[in-house]
Amino acid sequence: RIGVELNLEDFDHFSKDIPLVANLQP
């Protein structure tokens, strides 16, 4: 809607080196 290029692979690429730091359910 806002006109920013984003694809599904970006979700893997930008999160792969980020660990889980919030200890929340689930």
mmCIF file of all heavy atoms, coordinates in Angstrom:
data_MODEL
# 
_entry.id   MODEL 
# 
loop_
_atom_site.group_PDB 
_atom_site.id 
_atom_site.type_symbol 
_atom_site.label_atom_id 
_atom_site.label_alt_id 
_atom_site.label_comp_id 
_atom_site.label_asym_id 
_atom_site.label_entity_id 
_atom_site.label_seq_id 
_atom_site.pdbx_PDB_ins_code 
_atom_site.Cartn_x 
_atom_site.Cartn_y 
_atom_site.Cartn_z 
_atom_site.occupancy 
_atom_site.B_iso_or_equiv 
_atom_site.pdbx_formal_charge 
_atom_site.auth_seq_id 
_atom_site.auth_comp_id 
_atom_site.auth_asym_id 
_atom_site.auth_atom_id 
_atom_site.pdbx_PDB_model_num 
ATOM 1   N N   . ARG A 1 1  ? 0.824  -1.217  0.000  1.00 0.00 ? 1  ARG A N   1 
ATOM 2   C CA  . ARG A 1 1  ? 0.000  0.000   0.000  1.00 0.00 ? 1  ARG A CA  1 
ATOM 3   C C   . ARG A 1 1  ? 0.854  1.263   0.000  1.00 0.00 ? 1  ARG A C   1 
ATOM 4   O O   . ARG A 1 1  ? 0.498  2.261   -0.612 1.00 0.00 ? 1  ARG A O   1 
ATOM 5   C CB  . ARG A 1 1  ? -0.924 0.007   1.211  1.00 0.00 ? 1  ARG A CB  1 
ATOM 6   C CG  . ARG A 1 1  ? -1.975 -1.087  1.229  1.00 0.00 ? 1  ARG A CG  1 
ATOM 7   C CD  . ARG A 1 1  ? -2.988 -0.918  0.108  1.00 0.00 ? 1  ARG A CD  1 
ATOM 8   N NE  . ARG A 1 1  ? -4.054 -1.894  0.224  1.00 0.00 ? 1  ARG A NE  1 
ATOM 9   C CZ  . ARG A 1 1  ? -5.226 -1.669  0.823  1.00 0.00 ? 1  ARG A CZ  1 
ATOM 10  N NH1 . ARG A 1 1  ? -5.463 -0.483  1.362  1.00 0.00 ? 1  ARG A NH1 1 
ATOM 11  N NH2 . ARG A 1 1  ? -6.139 -2.609  0.877  1.00 0.00 ? 1  ARG A NH2 1 
ATOM 12  N N   . ILE A 1 2  ? 1.971  1.257   0.716  1.00 0.00 ? 2  ILE A N   1 
ATOM 13  C CA  . ILE A 1 2  ? 2.778  2.475   0.856  1.00 0.00 ? 2  ILE A CA  1 
ATOM 14  C C   . ILE A 1 2  ? 3.835  2.574   -0.244 1.00 0.00 ? 2  ILE A C   1 
ATOM 15  O O   . ILE A 1 2  ? 4.502  3.603   -0.400 1.00 0.00 ? 2  ILE A O   1 
ATOM 16  C CB  . ILE A 1 2  ? 3.436  2.554   2.265  1.00 0.00 ? 2  ILE A CB  1 
ATOM 17  C CG1 . ILE A 1 2  ? 3.754  4.013   2.647  1.00 0.00 ? 2  ILE A CG1 1 
ATOM 18  C CG2 . ILE A 1 2  ? 4.653  1.660   2.352  1.00 0.00 ? 2  ILE A CG2 1 
ATOM 19  C CD1 . ILE A 1 2  ? 2.550  4.885   2.883  1.00 0.00 ? 2  ILE A CD1 1 
ATOM 20  N N   . GLY A 1 3  ? 3.993  1.477   -1.017 1.00 0.00 ? 3  GLY A N   1 
ATOM 21  C CA  . GLY A 1 3  ? 4.919  1.514   -2.142 1.00 0.00 ? 3  GLY A CA  1 
ATOM 22  C C   . GLY A 1 3  ? 6.343  1.150   -1.816 1.00 0.00 ? 3  GLY A C   1 
ATOM 23  O O   . GLY A 1 3  ? 7.276  1.591   -2.501 1.00 0.00 ? 3  GLY A O   1 
ATOM 24  N N   . VAL A 1 4  ? 6.546  0.323   -0.802 1.00 0.00 ? 4  VAL A N   1 
ATOM 25  C CA  . VAL A 1 4  ? 7.889  -0.160  -0.447 1.00 0.00 ? 4  VAL A CA  1 
ATOM 26  C C   . VAL A 1 4  ? 8.064  -1.572  -0.996 1.00 0.00 ? 4  VAL A C   1 
ATOM 27  O O   . VAL A 1 4  ? 7.199  -2.431  -0.801 1.00 0.00 ? 4  VAL A O   1 
ATOM 28  C CB  . VAL A 1 4  ? 8.091  -0.146  1.088  1.00 0.00 ? 4  VAL A CB  1 
ATOM 29  C CG1 . VAL A 1 4  ? 9.342  -0.930  1.481  1.00 0.00 ? 4  VAL A CG1 1 
ATOM 30  C CG2 . VAL A 1 4  ? 8.189  1.285   1.594  1.00 0.00 ? 4  VAL A CG2 1 
ATOM 31  N N   . GLU A 1 5  ? 9.181  -1.802  -1.682 1.00 0.00 ? 5  GLU A N   1 
ATOM 32  C CA  . GLU A 1 5  ? 9.468  -3.141  -2.206 1.00 0.00 ? 5  GLU A CA  1 
ATOM 33  C C   . GLU A 1 5  ? 9.806  -4.087  -1.054 1.00 0.00 ? 5  GLU A C   1 
ATOM 34  O O   . GLU A 1 5  ? 10.732 -3.841  -0.289 1.00 0.00 ? 5  GLU A O   1 
ATOM 35  C CB  . GLU A 1 5  ? 10.643 -3.076  -3.188 1.00 0.00 ? 5  GLU A CB  1 
ATOM 36  C CG  . GLU A 1 5  ? 10.313 -2.417  -4.510 1.00 0.00 ? 5  GLU A CG  1 
ATOM 37  C CD  . GLU A 1 5  ? 9.378  -3.245  -5.369 1.00 0.00 ? 5  GLU A CD  1 
ATOM 38  O OE1 . GLU A 1 5  ? 9.471  -4.494  -5.304 1.00 0.00 ? 5  GLU A OE1 1 
ATOM 39  O OE2 . GLU A 1 5  ? 8.563  -2.660  -6.093 1.00 0.00 ? 5  GLU A OE2 1 
ATOM 40  N N   . LEU A 1 6  ? 9.038  -5.160  -0.943 1.00 0.00 ? 6  LEU A N   1 
ATOM 41  C CA  . LEU A 1 6  ? 9.267  -6.152  0.106  1.00 0.00 ? 6  LEU A CA  1 
ATOM 42  C C   . LEU A 1 6  ? 8.850  -7.501  -0.444 1.00 0.00 ? 6  LEU A C   1 
ATOM 43  O O   . LEU A 1 6  ? 7.771  -7.627  -1.043 1.00 0.00 ? 6  LEU A O   1 
ATOM 44  C CB  . LEU A 1 6  ? 8.434  -5.798  1.348  1.00 0.00 ? 6  LEU A CB  1 
ATOM 45  C CG  . LEU A 1 6  ? 8.820  -6.464  2.673  1.00 0.00 ? 6  LEU A CG  1 
ATOM 46  C CD1 . LEU A 1 6  ? 10.175 -5.985  3.156  1.00 0.00 ? 6  LEU A CD1 1 
ATOM 47  C CD2 . LEU A 1 6  ? 7.755  -6.176  3.745  1.00 0.00 ? 6  LEU A CD2 1 
ATOM 48  N N   . ASN A 1 7  ? 9.684  -8.524  -0.264 1.00 0.00 ? 7  ASN A N   1 
ATOM 49  C CA  . ASN A 1 7  ? 9.301  -9.861  -0.713 1.00 0.00 ? 7  ASN A CA  1 
ATOM 50  C C   . ASN A 1 7  ? 9.450  -10.856 0.423  1.00 0.00 ? 7  ASN A C   1 
ATOM 51  O O   . ASN A 1 7  ? 10.029 -10.549 1.471  1.00 0.00 ? 7  ASN A O   1 
ATOM 52  C CB  . ASN A 1 7  ? 10.110 -10.284 -1.945 1.00 0.00 ? 7  ASN A CB  1 
ATOM 53  C CG  . ASN A 1 7  ? 11.605 -10.295 -1.684 1.00 0.00 ? 7  ASN A CG  1 
ATOM 54  O OD1 . ASN A 1 7  ? 12.082 -10.920 -0.728 1.00 0.00 ? 7  ASN A OD1 1 
ATOM 55  N ND2 . ASN A 1 7  ? 12.372 -9.612  -2.526 1.00 0.00 ? 7  ASN A ND2 1 
ATOM 56  N N   . LEU A 1 8  ? 8.929  -12.041 0.202  1.00 0.00 ? 8  LEU A N   1 
ATOM 57  C CA  . LEU A 1 8  ? 8.879  -13.037 1.269  1.00 0.00 ? 8  LEU A CA  1 
ATOM 58  C C   . LEU A 1 8  ? 10.269 -13.410 1.770  1.00 0.00 ? 8  LEU A C   1 
ATOM 59  O O   . LEU A 1 8  ? 10.474 -13.608 2.973  1.00 0.00 ? 8  LEU A O   1 
ATOM 60  C CB  . LEU A 1 8  ? 8.141  -14.282 0.771  1.00 0.00 ? 8  LEU A CB  1 
ATOM 61  C CG  . LEU A 1 8  ? 7.739  -15.311 1.829  1.00 0.00 ? 8  LEU A CG  1 
ATOM 62  C CD1 . LEU A 1 8  ? 6.813  -14.701 2.871  1.00 0.00 ? 8  LEU A CD1 1 
ATOM 63  C CD2 . LEU A 1 8  ? 7.056  -16.515 1.170  1.00 0.00 ? 8  LEU A CD2 1 
ATOM 64  N N   . GLU A 1 9  ? 11.236 -13.452 0.872  1.00 0.00 ? 9  GLU A N   1 
ATOM 65  C CA  . GLU A 1 9  ? 12.601 -13.810 1.264  1.00 0.00 ? 9  GLU A CA  1 
ATOM 66  C C   . GLU A 1 9  ? 13.203 -12.808 2.249  1.00 0.00 ? 9  GLU A C   1 
ATOM 67  O O   . GLU A 1 9  ? 14.087 -13.159 3.040  1.00 0.00 ? 9  GLU A O   1 
ATOM 68  C CB  . GLU A 1 9  ? 13.492 -13.925 0.023  1.00 0.00 ? 9  GLU A CB  1 
ATOM 69  C CG  . GLU A 1 9  ? 13.227 -15.166 -0.834 1.00 0.00 ? 9  GLU A CG  1 
ATOM 70  C CD  . GLU A 1 9  ? 11.941 -15.071 -1.644 1.00 0.00 ? 9  GLU A CD  1 
ATOM 71  O OE1 . GLU A 1 9  ? 11.407 -13.951 -1.816 1.00 0.00 ? 9  GLU A OE1 1 
ATOM 72  O OE2 . GLU A 1 9  ? 11.457 -16.124 -2.104 1.00 0.00 ? 9  GLU A OE2 1 
ATOM 73  N N   . ASP A 1 10 ? 12.732 -11.553 2.208  1.00 0.00 ? 10 ASP A N   1 
ATOM 74  C CA  . ASP A 1 10 ? 13.227 -10.544 3.146  1.00 0.00 ? 10 ASP A CA  1 
ATOM 75  C C   . ASP A 1 10 ? 12.977 -10.941 4.596  1.00 0.00 ? 10 ASP A C   1 
ATOM 76  O O   . ASP A 1 10 ? 13.763 -10.603 5.487  1.00 0.00 ? 10 ASP A O   1 
ATOM 77  C CB  . ASP A 1 10 ? 12.558 -9.184  2.878  1.00 0.00 ? 10 ASP A CB  1 
ATOM 78  C CG  . ASP A 1 10 ? 13.073 -8.522  1.611  1.00 0.00 ? 10 ASP A CG  1 
ATOM 79  O OD1 . ASP A 1 10 ? 14.254 -8.720  1.276  1.00 0.00 ? 10 ASP A OD1 1 
ATOM 80  O OD2 . ASP A 1 10 ? 12.294 -7.807  0.957  1.00 0.00 ? 10 ASP A OD2 1 
ATOM 81  N N   . PHE A 1 11 ? 11.883 -11.647 4.847  1.00 0.00 ? 11 PHE A N   1 
ATOM 82  C CA  . PHE A 1 11 ? 11.550 -12.030 6.222  1.00 0.00 ? 11 PHE A CA  1 
ATOM 83  C C   . PHE A 1 11 ? 12.567 -13.028 6.763  1.00 0.00 ? 11 PHE A C   1 
ATOM 84  O O   . PHE A 1 11 ? 12.918 -12.991 7.946  1.00 0.00 ? 11 PHE A O   1 
ATOM 85  C CB  . PHE A 1 11 ? 10.125 -12.607 6.283  1.00 0.00 ? 11 PHE A CB  1 
ATOM 86  C CG  . PHE A 1 11 ? 9.071  -11.571 6.036  1.00 0.00 ? 11 PHE A CG  1 
ATOM 87  C CD1 . PHE A 1 11 ? 8.710  -11.214 4.753  1.00 0.00 ? 11 PHE A CD1 1 
ATOM 88  C CD2 . PHE A 1 11 ? 8.468  -10.917 7.099  1.00 0.00 ? 11 PHE A CD2 1 
ATOM 89  C CE1 . PHE A 1 11 ? 7.755  -10.236 4.517  1.00 0.00 ? 11 PHE A CE1 1 
ATOM 90  C CE2 . PHE A 1 11 ? 7.510  -9.936  6.883  1.00 0.00 ? 11 PHE A CE2 1 
ATOM 91  C CZ  . PHE A 1 11 ? 7.155  -9.597  5.580  1.00 0.00 ? 11 PHE A CZ  1 
ATOM 92  N N   . ASP A 1 12 ? 13.032 -13.907 5.912  1.00 0.00 ? 12 ASP A N   1 
ATOM 93  C CA  . ASP A 1 12 ? 14.068 -14.857 6.306  1.00 0.00 ? 12 ASP A CA  1 
ATOM 94  C C   . ASP A 1 12 ? 15.417 -14.150 6.428  1.00 0.00 ? 12 ASP A C   1 
ATOM 95  O O   . ASP A 1 12 ? 16.119 -14.284 7.436  1.00 0.00 ? 12 ASP A O   1 
ATOM 96  C CB  . ASP A 1 12 ? 14.154 -15.979 5.261  1.00 0.00 ? 12 ASP A CB  1 
ATOM 97  C CG  . ASP A 1 12 ? 14.848 -17.224 5.787  1.00 0.00 ? 12 ASP A CG  1 
ATOM 98  O OD1 . ASP A 1 12 ? 15.757 -17.100 6.626  1.00 0.00 ? 12 ASP A OD1 1 
ATOM 99  O OD2 . ASP A 1 12 ? 14.480 -18.330 5.364  1.00 0.00 ? 12 ASP A OD2 1 
ATOM 100 N N   . HIS A 1 13 ? 15.742 -13.343 5.438  1.00 0.00 ? 13 HIS A N   1 
ATOM 101 C CA  . HIS A 1 13 ? 17.045 -12.689 5.393  1.00 0.00 ? 13 HIS A CA  1 
ATOM 102 C C   . HIS A 1 13 ? 17.281 -11.769 6.590  1.00 0.00 ? 13 HIS A C   1 
ATOM 103 O O   . HIS A 1 13 ? 18.347 -11.812 7.224  1.00 0.00 ? 13 HIS A O   1 
ATOM 104 C CB  . HIS A 1 13 ? 17.180 -11.890 4.096  1.00 0.00 ? 13 HIS A CB  1 
ATOM 105 C CG  . HIS A 1 13 ? 18.435 -11.085 4.007  1.00 0.00 ? 13 HIS A CG  1 
ATOM 106 N ND1 . HIS A 1 13 ? 19.684 -11.662 3.816  1.00 0.00 ? 13 HIS A ND1 1 
ATOM 107 C CD2 . HIS A 1 13 ? 18.660 -9.747  4.110  1.00 0.00 ? 13 HIS A CD2 1 
ATOM 108 C CE1 . HIS A 1 13 ? 20.601 -10.719 3.804  1.00 0.00 ? 13 HIS A CE1 1 
ATOM 109 N NE2 . HIS A 1 13 ? 20.023 -9.545  3.979  1.00 0.00 ? 13 HIS A NE2 1 
ATOM 110 N N   . PHE A 1 14 ? 16.293 -10.942 6.926  1.00 0.00 ? 14 PHE A N   1 
ATOM 111 C CA  . PHE A 1 14 ? 16.494 -9.944  7.977  1.00 0.00 ? 14 PHE A CA  1 
ATOM 112 C C   . PHE A 1 14 ? 16.241 -10.476 9.394  1.00 0.00 ? 14 PHE A C   1 
ATOM 113 O O   . PHE A 1 14 ? 16.518 -9.782  10.366 1.00 0.00 ? 14 PHE A O   1 
ATOM 114 C CB  . PHE A 1 14 ? 15.628 -8.712  7.711  1.00 0.00 ? 14 PHE A CB  1 
ATOM 115 C CG  . PHE A 1 14 ? 16.116 -7.886  6.564  1.00 0.00 ? 14 PHE A CG  1 
ATOM 116 C CD1 . PHE A 1 14 ? 15.455 -7.895  5.347  1.00 0.00 ? 14 PHE A CD1 1 
ATOM 117 C CD2 . PHE A 1 14 ? 17.275 -7.139  6.676  1.00 0.00 ? 14 PHE A CD2 1 
ATOM 118 C CE1 . PHE A 1 14 ? 15.907 -7.152  4.267  1.00 0.00 ? 14 PHE A CE1 1 
ATOM 119 C CE2 . PHE A 1 14 ? 17.750 -6.386  5.606  1.00 0.00 ? 14 PHE A CE2 1 
ATOM 120 C CZ  . PHE A 1 14 ? 17.061 -6.392  4.394  1.00 0.00 ? 14 PHE A CZ  1 
ATOM 121 N N   . SER A 1 15 ? 15.731 -11.700 9.500  1.00 0.00 ? 15 SER A N   1 
ATOM 122 C CA  . SER A 1 15 ? 15.522 -12.254 10.839 1.00 0.00 ? 15 SER A CA  1 
ATOM 123 C C   . SER A 1 15 ? 16.467 -13.392 11.193 1.00 0.00 ? 15 SER A C   1 
ATOM 124 O O   . SER A 1 15 ? 16.552 -13.793 12.352 1.00 0.00 ? 15 SER A O   1 
ATOM 125 C CB  . SER A 1 15 ? 14.071 -12.750 10.991 1.00 0.00 ? 15 SER A CB  1 
ATOM 126 O OG  . SER A 1 15 ? 13.799 -13.834 10.134 1.00 0.00 ? 15 SER A OG  1 
ATOM 127 N N   . LYS A 1 16 ? 17.232 -13.882 10.214 1.00 0.00 ? 16 LYS A N   1 
ATOM 128 C CA  . LYS A 1 16 ? 18.003 -15.113 10.445 1.00 0.00 ? 16 LYS A CA  1 
ATOM 129 C C   . LYS A 1 16 ? 19.099 -14.960 11.500 1.00 0.00 ? 16 LYS A C   1 
ATOM 130 O O   . LYS A 1 16 ? 19.476 -15.941 12.139 1.00 0.00 ? 16 LYS A O   1 
ATOM 131 C CB  . LYS A 1 16 ? 18.601 -15.620 9.137  1.00 0.00 ? 16 LYS A CB  1 
ATOM 132 C CG  . LYS A 1 16 ? 19.637 -14.708 8.511  1.00 0.00 ? 16 LYS A CG  1 
ATOM 133 C CD  . LYS A 1 16 ? 20.153 -15.306 7.208  1.00 0.00 ? 16 LYS A CD  1 
ATOM 134 C CE  . LYS A 1 16 ? 21.195 -14.398 6.575  1.00 0.00 ? 16 LYS A CE  1 
ATOM 135 N NZ  . LYS A 1 16 ? 21.692 -14.956 5.291  1.00 0.00 ? 16 LYS A NZ  1 
ATOM 136 N N   . ASP A 1 17 ? 19.624 -13.750 11.689 1.00 0.00 ? 17 ASP A N   1 
ATOM 137 C CA  . ASP A 1 17 ? 20.688 -13.562 12.678 1.00 0.00 ? 17 ASP A CA  1 
ATOM 138 C C   . ASP A 1 17 ? 20.191 -12.927 13.980 1.00 0.00 ? 17 ASP A C   1 
ATOM 139 O O   . ASP A 1 17 ? 20.988 -12.543 14.835 1.00 0.00 ? 17 ASP A O   1 
ATOM 140 C CB  . ASP A 1 17 ? 21.798 -12.689 12.083 1.00 0.00 ? 17 ASP A CB  1 
ATOM 141 C CG  . ASP A 1 17 ? 22.485 -13.364 10.904 1.00 0.00 ? 17 ASP A CG  1 
ATOM 142 O OD1 . ASP A 1 17 ? 22.648 -14.599 10.961 1.00 0.00 ? 17 ASP A OD1 1 
ATOM 143 O OD2 . ASP A 1 17 ? 22.845 -12.663 9.936  1.00 0.00 ? 17 ASP A OD2 1 
ATOM 144 N N   . ILE A 1 18 ? 18.870 -12.815 14.108 1.00 0.00 ? 18 ILE A N   1 
ATOM 145 C CA  . ILE A 1 18 ? 18.269 -12.212 15.315 1.00 0.00 ? 18 ILE A CA  1 
ATOM 146 C C   . ILE A 1 18 ? 17.758 -13.328 16.224 1.00 0.00 ? 18 ILE A C   1 
ATOM 147 O O   . ILE A 1 18 ? 16.847 -14.071 15.849 1.00 0.00 ? 18 ILE A O   1 
ATOM 148 C CB  . ILE A 1 18 ? 17.103 -11.274 14.958 1.00 0.00 ? 18 ILE A CB  1 
ATOM 149 C CG1 . ILE A 1 18 ? 17.516 -10.251 13.908 1.00 0.00 ? 18 ILE A CG1 1 
ATOM 150 C CG2 . ILE A 1 18 ? 16.569 -10.597 16.214 1.00 0.00 ? 18 ILE A CG2 1 
ATOM 151 C CD1 . ILE A 1 18 ? 18.566 -9.269  14.357 1.00 0.00 ? 18 ILE A CD1 1 
ATOM 152 N N   . PRO A 1 19 ? 18.309 -13.479 17.423 1.00 0.00 ? 19 PRO A N   1 
ATOM 153 C CA  . PRO A 1 19 ? 17.815 -14.528 18.328 1.00 0.00 ? 19 PRO A CA  1 
ATOM 154 C C   . PRO A 1 19 ? 16.549 -14.084 19.054 1.00 0.00 ? 19 PRO A C   1 
ATOM 155 O O   . PRO A 1 19 ? 16.184 -12.899 19.036 1.00 0.00 ? 19 PRO A O   1 
ATOM 156 C CB  . PRO A 1 19 ? 18.974 -14.697 19.313 1.00 0.00 ? 19 PRO A CB  1 
ATOM 157 C CG  . PRO A 1 19 ? 19.581 -13.327 19.389 1.00 0.00 ? 19 PRO A CG  1 
ATOM 158 C CD  . PRO A 1 19 ? 19.447 -12.739 18.004 1.00 0.00 ? 19 PRO A CD  1 
ATOM 159 N N   . LEU A 1 20 ? 15.898 -15.025 19.684 1.00 0.00 ? 20 LEU A N   1 
ATOM 160 C CA  . LEU A 1 20 ? 14.712 -14.727 20.493 1.00 0.00 ? 20 LEU A CA  1 
ATOM 161 C C   . LEU A 1 20 ? 15.180 -14.148 21.831 1.00 0.00 ? 20 LEU A C   1 
ATOM 162 O O   . LEU A 1 20 ? 15.786 -14.846 22.643 1.00 0.00 ? 20 LEU A O   1 
ATOM 163 C CB  . LEU A 1 20 ? 13.908 -16.007 20.732 1.00 0.00 ? 20 LEU A CB  1 
ATOM 164 C CG  . LEU A 1 20 ? 12.590 -15.841 21.472 1.00 0.00 ? 20 LEU A CG  1 
ATOM 165 C CD1 . LEU A 1 20 ? 11.545 -15.201 20.568 1.00 0.00 ? 20 LEU A CD1 1 
ATOM 166 C CD2 . LEU A 1 20 ? 12.083 -17.195 21.985 1.00 0.00 ? 20 LEU A CD2 1 
ATOM 167 N N   . VAL A 1 21 ? 14.909 -12.862 22.055 1.00 0.00 ? 21 VAL A N   1 
ATOM 168 C CA  . VAL A 1 21 ? 15.329 -12.237 23.316 1.00 0.00 ? 21 VAL A CA  1 
ATOM 169 C C   . VAL A 1 21 ? 14.152 -11.948 24.243 1.00 0.00 ? 21 VAL A C   1 
ATOM 170 O O   . VAL A 1 21 ? 14.360 -11.612 25.417 1.00 0.00 ? 21 VAL A O   1 
ATOM 171 C CB  . VAL A 1 21 ? 16.136 -10.935 23.077 1.00 0.00 ? 21 VAL A CB  1 
ATOM 172 C CG1 . VAL A 1 21 ? 17.381 -11.214 22.267 1.00 0.00 ? 21 VAL A CG1 1 
ATOM 173 C CG2 . VAL A 1 21 ? 15.285 -9.852  22.420 1.00 0.00 ? 21 VAL A CG2 1 
ATOM 174 N N   . ALA A 1 22 ? 12.922 -12.079 23.733 1.00 0.00 ? 22 ALA A N   1 
ATOM 175 C CA  . ALA A 1 22 ? 11.739 -11.880 24.576 1.00 0.00 ? 22 ALA A CA  1 
ATOM 176 C C   . ALA A 1 22 ? 11.148 -13.241 24.925 1.00 0.00 ? 22 ALA A C   1 
ATOM 177 O O   . ALA A 1 22 ? 10.748 -14.004 24.048 1.00 0.00 ? 22 ALA A O   1 
ATOM 178 C CB  . ALA A 1 22 ? 10.708 -11.012 23.864 1.00 0.00 ? 22 ALA A CB  1 
ATOM 179 N N   . ASN A 1 23 ? 11.116 -13.551 26.189 1.00 0.00 ? 23 ASN A N   1 
ATOM 180 C CA  . ASN A 1 23 ? 10.701 -14.869 26.675 1.00 0.00 ? 23 ASN A CA  1 
ATOM 181 C C   . ASN A 1 23 ? 9.183  -14.890 26.885 1.00 0.00 ? 23 ASN A C   1 
ATOM 182 O O   . ASN A 1 23 ? 8.687  -14.883 28.007 1.00 0.00 ? 23 ASN A O   1 
ATOM 183 C CB  . ASN A 1 23 ? 11.432 -15.162 27.987 1.00 0.00 ? 23 ASN A CB  1 
ATOM 184 C CG  . ASN A 1 23 ? 11.231 -16.583 28.471 1.00 0.00 ? 23 ASN A CG  1 
ATOM 185 O OD1 . ASN A 1 23 ? 10.688 -17.427 27.769 1.00 0.00 ? 23 ASN A OD1 1 
ATOM 186 N ND2 . ASN A 1 23 ? 11.657 -16.839 29.701 1.00 0.00 ? 23 ASN A ND2 1 
ATOM 187 N N   . LEU A 1 24 ? 8.454  -14.930 25.774 1.00 0.00 ? 24 LEU A N   1 
ATOM 188 C CA  . LEU A 1 24 ? 6.997  -14.797 25.826 1.00 0.00 ? 24 LEU A CA  1 
ATOM 189 C C   . LEU A 1 24 ? 6.308  -15.995 25.198 1.00 0.00 ? 24 LEU A C   1 
ATOM 190 O O   . LEU A 1 24 ? 6.762  -16.535 24.189 1.00 0.00 ? 24 LEU A O   1 
ATOM 191 C CB  . LEU A 1 24 ? 6.567  -13.531 25.065 1.00 0.00 ? 24 LEU A CB  1 
ATOM 192 C CG  . LEU A 1 24 ? 7.191  -12.205 25.524 1.00 0.00 ? 24 LEU A CG  1 
ATOM 193 C CD1 . LEU A 1 24 ? 6.845  -11.105 24.539 1.00 0.00 ? 24 LEU A CD1 1 
ATOM 194 C CD2 . LEU A 1 24 ? 6.691  -11.844 26.916 1.00 0.00 ? 24 LEU A CD2 1 
ATOM 195 N N   . GLN A 1 25 ? 5.176  -16.385 25.766 1.00 0.00 ? 25 GLN A N   1 
ATOM 196 C CA  . GLN A 1 25 ? 4.361  -17.416 25.125 1.00 0.00 ? 25 GLN A CA  1 
ATOM 197 C C   . GLN A 1 25 ? 3.894  -16.908 23.768 1.00 0.00 ? 25 GLN A C   1 
ATOM 198 O O   . GLN A 1 25 ? 3.641  -15.712 23.616 1.00 0.00 ? 25 GLN A O   1 
ATOM 199 C CB  . GLN A 1 25 ? 3.146  -17.732 26.005 1.00 0.00 ? 25 GLN A CB  1 
ATOM 200 C CG  . GLN A 1 25 ? 3.447  -18.519 27.252 1.00 0.00 ? 25 GLN A CG  1 
ATOM 201 C CD  . GLN A 1 25 ? 2.213  -19.239 27.785 1.00 0.00 ? 25 GLN A CD  1 
ATOM 202 O OE1 . GLN A 1 25 ? 1.303  -19.610 27.056 1.00 0.00 ? 25 GLN A OE1 1 
ATOM 203 N NE2 . GLN A 1 25 ? 2.176  -19.424 29.093 1.00 0.00 ? 25 GLN A NE2 1 
ATOM 204 N N   . PRO A 1 26 ? 3.769  -17.786 22.736 1.00 0.00 ? 26 PRO A N   1 
ATOM 205 C CA  . PRO A 1 26 ? 3.904  -19.243 22.829 1.00 0.00 ? 26 PRO A CA  1 
ATOM 206 C C   . PRO A 1 26 ? 5.325  -19.777 22.659 1.00 0.00 ? 26 PRO A C   1 
ATOM 207 O O   . PRO A 1 26 ? 5.552  -20.963 22.853 1.00 0.00 ? 26 PRO A O   1 
ATOM 208 C CB  . PRO A 1 26 ? 3.023  -19.719 21.665 1.00 0.00 ? 26 PRO A CB  1 
ATOM 209 C CG  . PRO A 1 26 ? 3.172  -18.639 20.650 1.00 0.00 ? 26 PRO A CG  1 
ATOM 210 C CD  . PRO A 1 26 ? 3.239  -17.362 21.434 1.00 0.00 ? 26 PRO A CD  1 
# 
